[in-house]
Protein backbone atom coordinates (compact mmCIF):
# COMPACT_ATOMS: atom_id res chain seq x y z
CA MET A 1 2.35 -9.61 4.74
CA ASN A 2 5.98 -9.53 5.73
CA ALA A 3 5.01 -7.17 8.56
CA ALA A 4 2.55 -9.73 9.95
CA ASN A 5 5.18 -12.45 9.60
CA GLU A 6 7.75 -10.40 11.52
CA GLU A 7 5.27 -9.64 14.29
CA ALA A 8 4.24 -13.30 14.50
CA ILE A 9 7.86 -14.39 14.88
CA LYS A 10 8.39 -11.76 17.57
CA ALA A 11 5.29 -12.94 19.44
CA PHE A 12 6.50 -16.54 19.24
CA GLN A 13 9.97 -15.62 20.49
CA GLU A 14 8.40 -13.74 23.40
CA GLU A 15 6.22 -16.82 24.08
CA LYS A 16 3.03 -14.84 23.39
CA CYS A 17 1.81 -17.35 20.79
CA SER A 18 2.44 -20.95 19.85
CA PHE A 19 4.34 -22.16 16.79
CA PHE A 20 1.06 -22.88 15.00
CA GLY A 21 -0.38 -19.62 16.31
CA MET A 22 2.07 -17.78 14.08
CA SER A 23 0.44 -19.11 10.92
CA GLU A 24 -3.01 -18.24 12.27
CA MET A 25 -1.85 -14.69 13.00
CA ILE A 26 -0.38 -14.27 9.51
CA LEU A 27 -3.44 -15.76 7.79
CA ASP A 28 -5.79 -13.54 9.79
CA ALA A 29 -3.81 -10.44 8.82
CA TYR A 30 -3.71 -11.58 5.19
CA GLU A 31 -7.49 -12.02 5.10
CA LYS A 32 -8.02 -8.53 6.55
CA PHE A 33 -5.55 -6.71 4.30
CA LYS A 34 -5.54 -8.77 1.08
CA ASP A 35 -7.44 -6.16 -0.94
CA VAL A 36 -5.44 -3.15 0.27
CA LYS A 37 -3.35 -1.62 -2.51
CA ALA A 38 -0.56 0.90 -2.08
CA THR A 39 0.34 3.36 -4.82
CA ASN A 40 3.31 5.13 -3.22
CA ILE A 41 5.90 4.73 -0.50
CA ASP A 42 3.91 6.71 2.07
CA GLU A 43 0.99 4.32 1.68
CA ILE A 44 3.32 1.33 1.98
CA VAL A 45 4.72 2.67 5.25
CA ALA A 46 1.22 3.40 6.58
CA ILE A 47 -0.09 -0.05 5.63
CA ASP A 48 2.96 -1.69 7.18
CA ALA A 49 2.27 0.10 10.47
CA GLU A 50 -1.43 -0.79 10.31
CA VAL A 51 -0.70 -4.48 9.67
CA ARG A 52 1.81 -4.58 12.54
CA ALA A 53 -0.67 -2.96 14.93
CA TYR A 54 -3.40 -5.38 13.84
CA ALA A 55 -1.14 -8.42 14.22
CA ASN A 56 -0.04 -7.29 17.67
CA GLN A 57 -3.60 -7.07 18.95
CA LEU A 58 -4.44 -10.65 17.89
């Protein structure tokens, strides 16, 4: 969820979401990806990219 957190902070800094909107963005991403499990580094990188893309479209 660090990826969602980083994207939320970036959105806040760019004034694309409110302070409280950051927590909503992170929670939404958490709910969507909480059951996703990675077994190797390639999967971690792919999931990171997917979470970032998802967070950016919120």
